[in-house]
Amino acid sequence: MRGEVLFGGIAGAAALGLGAAFADSAPLPDPFSKFSAGDAVVLAVRSEFAPSGGHVRLSVFADATTFLERAAAKHDATVNDEGLALITLRGLAPGDYAFVAYYDENGDGKLNRNALGKPKEPYVFSNDVRPKLRKPTFDETKVAVAPGEVVVMTLED
């Protein structure tokens, strides 16, 4: 009889545990969806270190042949009080694009590099790609986008 009670207790606890696991796996509301624009793609570049008023620069690349050589478009935005720089890309046709953003610490409008060519300012590629000893490829960084979507990128210091 004791075994039956113990088994029942374990089964009940397991059922509760499974229920909790199921509830925890439910999708959470997307806090960035409020920035969605029906006729545009929005890039939300977030940072925990960039001060309000700082500048984020963004390059948009449309294909592998021009990736990191010639941007299809360049934009800049100011970091708001929430640590976000929001860039609205109107007229961007649905498709695959790669994005590169950096925090322009000194405000000179370019990504400063050290003698070896490594960026000295915080930067991020779409998909958070960060290869160690080489440049990333377009295929690693491309993101399929369409108007109404918000792409979130996080700068790391």
Protein backbone atom coordinates (compact mmCIF):
# COMPACT_ATOMS: atom_id res chain seq x y z
CA MET A 1 0.00 0.00 0.00
CA ARG A 2 2.82 2.33 0.82
CA GLY A 3 4.26 1.67 -2.64
CA GLU A 4 0.97 2.73 -4.22
CA VAL A 5 0.97 6.03 -2.33
CA LEU A 6 4.58 6.66 -3.18
CA PHE A 7 3.94 5.83 -6.83
CA GLY A 8 0.90 8.09 -6.88
CA GLY A 9 2.91 10.89 -5.33
CA ILE A 10 5.68 10.50 -7.88
CA ALA A 11 3.23 10.29 -10.76
CA GLY A 12 1.43 13.40 -9.50
CA ALA A 13 4.69 15.28 -9.09
CA ALA A 14 5.83 14.16 -12.55
CA ALA A 15 2.53 15.31 -14.04
CA LEU A 16 2.89 18.68 -12.34
CA GLY A 17 6.48 18.92 -13.48
CA LEU A 18 5.55 18.15 -17.07
CA GLY A 19 2.78 20.71 -16.93
CA ALA A 20 5.18 23.33 -15.65
CA ALA A 21 7.72 22.46 -18.35
CA PHE A 22 5.03 22.75 -20.98
CA ALA A 23 3.91 26.12 -19.63
CA ASP A 24 7.50 27.38 -19.54
CA SER A 25 7.97 26.50 -23.19
CA ALA A 26 5.03 28.62 -24.33
CA PRO A 27 6.19 31.48 -26.56
CA LEU A 28 6.69 34.76 -24.77
CA PRO A 29 5.42 38.00 -26.25
CA ASP A 30 8.05 39.64 -28.44
CA PRO A 31 8.98 42.93 -26.73
CA PHE A 32 10.30 44.29 -30.04
CA SER A 33 7.09 43.71 -32.01
CA LYS A 34 5.86 47.14 -30.88
CA PHE A 35 8.44 48.67 -33.26
CA SER A 36 7.03 46.85 -36.31
CA ALA A 37 6.07 48.99 -39.28
CA GLY A 38 3.73 47.43 -41.84
CA ASP A 39 5.53 48.97 -44.80
CA ALA A 40 9.13 48.62 -43.61
CA VAL A 41 11.73 46.38 -42.01
CA VAL A 42 12.90 47.74 -38.66
CA LEU A 43 16.36 47.06 -37.24
CA ALA A 44 16.52 47.33 -33.46
CA VAL A 45 20.16 47.53 -32.40
CA ARG A 46 20.39 47.20 -28.64
CA SER A 47 23.22 47.91 -26.27
CA GLU A 48 23.67 47.88 -22.52
CA PHE A 49 26.72 50.16 -22.62
CA ALA A 50 26.04 52.81 -25.29
CA PRO A 51 24.86 56.07 -23.73
CA SER A 52 21.65 57.72 -24.78
CA GLY A 53 22.41 60.02 -27.70
CA GLY A 54 25.27 57.86 -29.02
CA HIS A 55 25.37 56.88 -32.68
CA VAL A 56 24.91 53.46 -34.26
CA ARG A 57 25.85 53.01 -37.92
CA LEU A 58 24.28 50.26 -40.03
CA SER A 59 25.26 48.83 -43.42
CA VAL A 60 22.86 46.73 -45.47
CA PHE A 61 24.27 44.14 -47.89
CA ALA A 62 22.03 42.61 -50.55
CA ASP A 63 24.21 39.80 -51.92
CA ALA A 64 27.36 37.75 -51.50
CA THR A 65 29.28 39.45 -54.31
CA THR A 66 29.30 42.86 -52.59
CA PHE A 67 29.25 41.68 -48.96
CA LEU A 68 31.57 43.82 -46.79
CA GLU A 69 32.80 45.64 -49.92
CA ARG A 70 29.88 47.77 -51.11
CA ALA A 71 26.79 48.34 -49.00
CA ALA A 72 23.41 48.53 -50.70
CA ALA A 73 22.49 51.18 -48.11
CA LYS A 74 23.92 52.88 -45.04
CA HIS A 75 21.95 54.31 -42.15
CA ASP A 76 22.56 55.79 -38.76
CA ALA A 77 20.45 56.15 -35.65
CA THR A 78 20.69 57.61 -32.19
CA VAL A 79 20.61 55.40 -29.11
CA ASN A 80 17.49 56.15 -27.06
CA ASP A 81 17.00 56.02 -23.28
CA GLU A 82 16.19 52.29 -23.48
CA GLY A 83 19.58 51.51 -25.08
CA LEU A 84 18.03 50.97 -28.52
CA ALA A 85 18.87 52.46 -31.88
CA LEU A 86 15.91 51.97 -34.23
CA ILE A 87 16.45 52.05 -37.98
CA THR A 88 13.44 51.88 -40.29
CA LEU A 89 14.25 50.48 -43.74
CA ARG A 90 11.47 51.50 -46.13
CA GLY A 91 11.42 50.18 -49.68
CA LEU A 92 13.46 47.07 -48.84
CA ALA A 93 12.16 44.27 -51.07
CA PRO A 94 11.49 40.95 -49.32
CA GLY A 95 14.54 38.72 -49.47
CA ASP A 96 17.89 37.85 -47.90
CA TYR A 97 20.05 40.63 -46.51
CA ALA A 98 23.06 40.83 -44.23
CA PHE A 99 23.39 43.64 -41.71
CA VAL A 100 26.44 45.04 -39.94
CA ALA A 101 26.05 47.58 -37.14
CA TYR A 102 28.61 49.31 -34.97
CA TYR A 103 28.61 51.83 -32.18
CA ASP A 104 30.52 54.90 -33.34
CA GLU A 105 32.25 55.70 -30.04
CA ASN A 106 34.15 58.74 -31.28
CA GLY A 107 31.51 60.02 -33.71
CA ASP A 108 33.78 60.07 -36.75
CA GLY A 109 31.37 58.10 -38.97
CA LYS A 110 33.66 55.13 -39.60
CA LEU A 111 34.48 51.84 -37.94
CA ASN A 112 37.92 52.41 -36.45
CA ARG A 113 40.39 49.53 -36.59
CA ASN A 114 43.70 48.63 -34.98
CA ALA A 115 46.94 48.00 -36.89
CA LEU A 116 45.87 44.40 -37.62
CA GLY A 117 42.53 45.51 -39.05
CA LYS A 118 40.45 44.34 -36.08
CA PRO A 119 37.61 46.74 -35.18
CA LYS A 120 38.28 48.90 -32.14
CA GLU A 121 34.62 49.88 -31.78
CA PRO A 122 31.79 47.52 -30.75
CA TYR A 123 30.13 45.86 -33.76
CA VAL A 124 27.64 43.11 -34.58
CA PHE A 125 26.73 41.10 -37.67
CA SER A 126 23.22 39.83 -38.26
CA ASN A 127 22.66 36.38 -36.76
CA ASP A 128 25.30 37.35 -34.14
CA VAL A 129 28.00 35.71 -36.28
CA ARG A 130 31.47 36.25 -34.78
CA PRO A 131 34.17 34.17 -36.48
CA LYS A 132 37.51 34.35 -34.69
CA LEU A 133 40.16 34.33 -37.43
CA ARG A 134 38.29 35.32 -40.58
CA LYS A 135 35.58 37.59 -41.92
CA PRO A 136 32.07 36.14 -41.87
CA THR A 137 30.35 35.15 -45.09
CA PHE A 138 27.13 36.49 -46.51
CA ASP A 139 25.49 33.08 -46.10
CA GLU A 140 26.34 33.05 -42.36
CA THR A 141 24.93 36.49 -41.76
CA LYS A 142 21.97 36.69 -44.13
CA VAL A 143 18.49 37.13 -42.74
CA ALA A 144 15.28 36.65 -44.71
CA VAL A 145 13.17 39.78 -44.19
CA ALA A 146 9.92 41.30 -45.37
CA PRO A 147 8.04 44.49 -44.47
CA GLY A 148 6.55 44.32 -40.99
CA GLU A 149 9.46 42.40 -39.48
CA VAL A 150 11.80 43.58 -36.74
CA VAL A 151 15.39 42.33 -36.78
CA VAL A 152 17.11 42.57 -33.40
CA MET A 153 20.89 42.86 -33.15
CA THR A 154 22.82 43.18 -29.89
CA LEU A 155 26.08 45.09 -29.61
CA GLU A 156 28.64 43.70 -27.20
CA ASP A 157 31.37 45.82 -25.67
